[in-house]
Amino acid sequence: GAIIMNNEVFSIISLSESKSGEWVVEGRAYADVRIGDLLSVSAERTTPLRVTGIVTYGKQTVLLSRMMTGRLYLQGVMRPKEKAATCLYQFQPGI
């Protein structure tokens, strides 16, 4: 597979919070993203965001393939300054 710099998996175009408290991010996947994956908004972040939903081309799916655009629904705590994030990374436990 392709080498991903800094474990970036998703480029964020927009980020908002849903009425149910989930984070909604729209953008493009740099790597396959699946429901249940653990992501983070920085390479150093210690708290994961879990992918709970994926929508692409108006359809719900369990996988957003590399280079596809779509919307990810994430659960987890995000600090105020992290809401300006421009990409999501693979969660790296223990950093």
Protein backbone atom coordinates (compact mmCIF):
# COMPACT_ATOMS: atom_id res chain seq x y z
CA GLY A 1 0.00 0.00 0.00
CA ALA A 2 0.86 3.65 -0.18
CA ILE A 3 2.96 5.19 2.56
CA ILE A 4 0.94 7.68 4.58
CA MET A 5 2.95 10.56 6.00
CA ASN A 6 2.39 11.07 9.73
CA ASN A 7 -0.40 8.45 9.71
CA GLU A 8 -2.84 10.94 8.16
CA VAL A 9 -6.03 9.14 7.20
CA PHE A 10 -8.56 11.88 6.45
CA SER A 11 -8.39 15.46 5.19
CA ILE A 12 -11.01 17.63 6.93
CA ILE A 13 -12.92 20.18 4.86
CA SER A 14 -15.55 20.91 7.53
CA LEU A 15 -16.14 19.92 11.14
CA SER A 16 -19.31 20.41 13.17
CA GLU A 17 -21.15 18.93 16.12
CA SER A 18 -24.46 17.10 15.61
CA LYS A 19 -27.50 17.49 17.86
CA SER A 20 -26.70 14.07 19.34
CA GLY A 21 -23.20 15.21 20.33
CA GLU A 22 -21.27 13.38 17.64
CA TRP A 23 -18.59 15.14 15.61
CA VAL A 24 -19.36 15.34 11.90
CA VAL A 25 -16.35 15.74 9.62
CA GLU A 26 -16.48 16.05 5.86
CA GLY A 27 -13.54 15.57 3.55
CA ARG A 28 -11.39 13.00 1.75
CA ALA A 29 -9.93 9.72 2.98
CA TYR A 30 -6.17 9.19 2.49
CA ALA A 31 -6.53 5.59 3.71
CA ASP A 32 -9.45 3.18 4.11
CA VAL A 33 -11.65 4.22 7.05
CA ARG A 34 -14.07 1.76 8.64
CA ILE A 35 -16.76 2.03 11.30
CA GLY A 36 -15.12 1.29 14.64
CA ASP A 37 -11.74 2.75 13.65
CA LEU A 38 -10.02 4.92 16.25
CA LEU A 39 -8.76 8.26 14.92
CA SER A 40 -7.36 11.44 16.45
CA VAL A 41 -7.07 15.09 15.46
CA SER A 42 -3.33 15.24 16.08
CA ALA A 43 -0.41 12.86 15.85
CA GLU A 44 0.23 13.37 19.59
CA ARG A 45 -3.34 13.11 20.86
CA THR A 46 -3.91 10.49 23.55
CA THR A 47 -7.72 10.33 23.47
CA PRO A 48 -9.28 8.50 20.51
CA LEU A 49 -12.29 9.46 18.44
CA ARG A 50 -14.30 6.39 17.34
CA VAL A 51 -15.86 6.28 13.85
CA THR A 52 -19.56 5.55 14.42
CA GLY A 53 -20.92 6.32 10.97
CA ILE A 54 -19.85 6.91 7.38
CA VAL A 55 -21.83 8.52 4.56
CA THR A 56 -20.61 8.84 0.97
CA TYR A 57 -22.62 9.93 -2.06
CA GLY A 58 -25.71 10.12 0.16
CA LYS A 59 -25.48 6.48 1.27
CA GLN A 60 -24.52 5.02 4.63
CA THR A 61 -21.64 2.56 4.44
CA VAL A 62 -19.21 0.71 6.71
CA LEU A 63 -16.11 1.61 4.65
CA LEU A 64 -14.83 4.82 3.09
CA SER A 65 -12.16 3.74 0.63
CA ARG A 66 -8.90 5.59 0.14
CA MET A 67 -9.29 8.81 -1.95
CA MET A 68 -13.11 8.79 -1.63
CA THR A 69 -14.90 11.83 -0.25
CA GLY A 70 -17.50 11.51 2.46
CA ARG A 71 -18.74 12.35 5.92
CA LEU A 72 -17.52 10.66 9.11
CA TYR A 73 -19.43 10.61 12.38
CA LEU A 74 -17.13 10.45 15.40
CA GLN A 75 -17.69 9.96 19.13
CA GLY A 76 -15.23 11.26 21.68
CA VAL A 77 -14.02 14.38 23.46
CA MET A 78 -12.55 17.18 21.37
CA ARG A 79 -10.86 20.18 22.94
CA PRO A 80 -11.91 23.63 21.64
CA LYS A 81 -8.63 24.27 19.80
CA GLU A 82 -8.84 20.84 18.13
CA LYS A 83 -11.99 21.91 16.29
CA ALA A 84 -9.68 23.77 13.88
CA ALA A 85 -8.01 20.48 12.86
CA THR A 86 -7.34 19.98 9.16
CA CYS A 87 -6.85 16.21 9.21
CA LEU A 88 -7.46 13.05 11.19
CA TYR A 89 -4.72 10.57 12.08
CA GLN A 90 -4.64 6.93 13.02
CA PHE A 91 -4.91 6.76 16.80
CA GLN A 92 -1.55 5.81 18.30
CA PRO A 93 -2.02 4.50 21.85
CA GLY A 94 0.80 5.03 24.28
CA ILE A 95 2.43 8.08 22.66
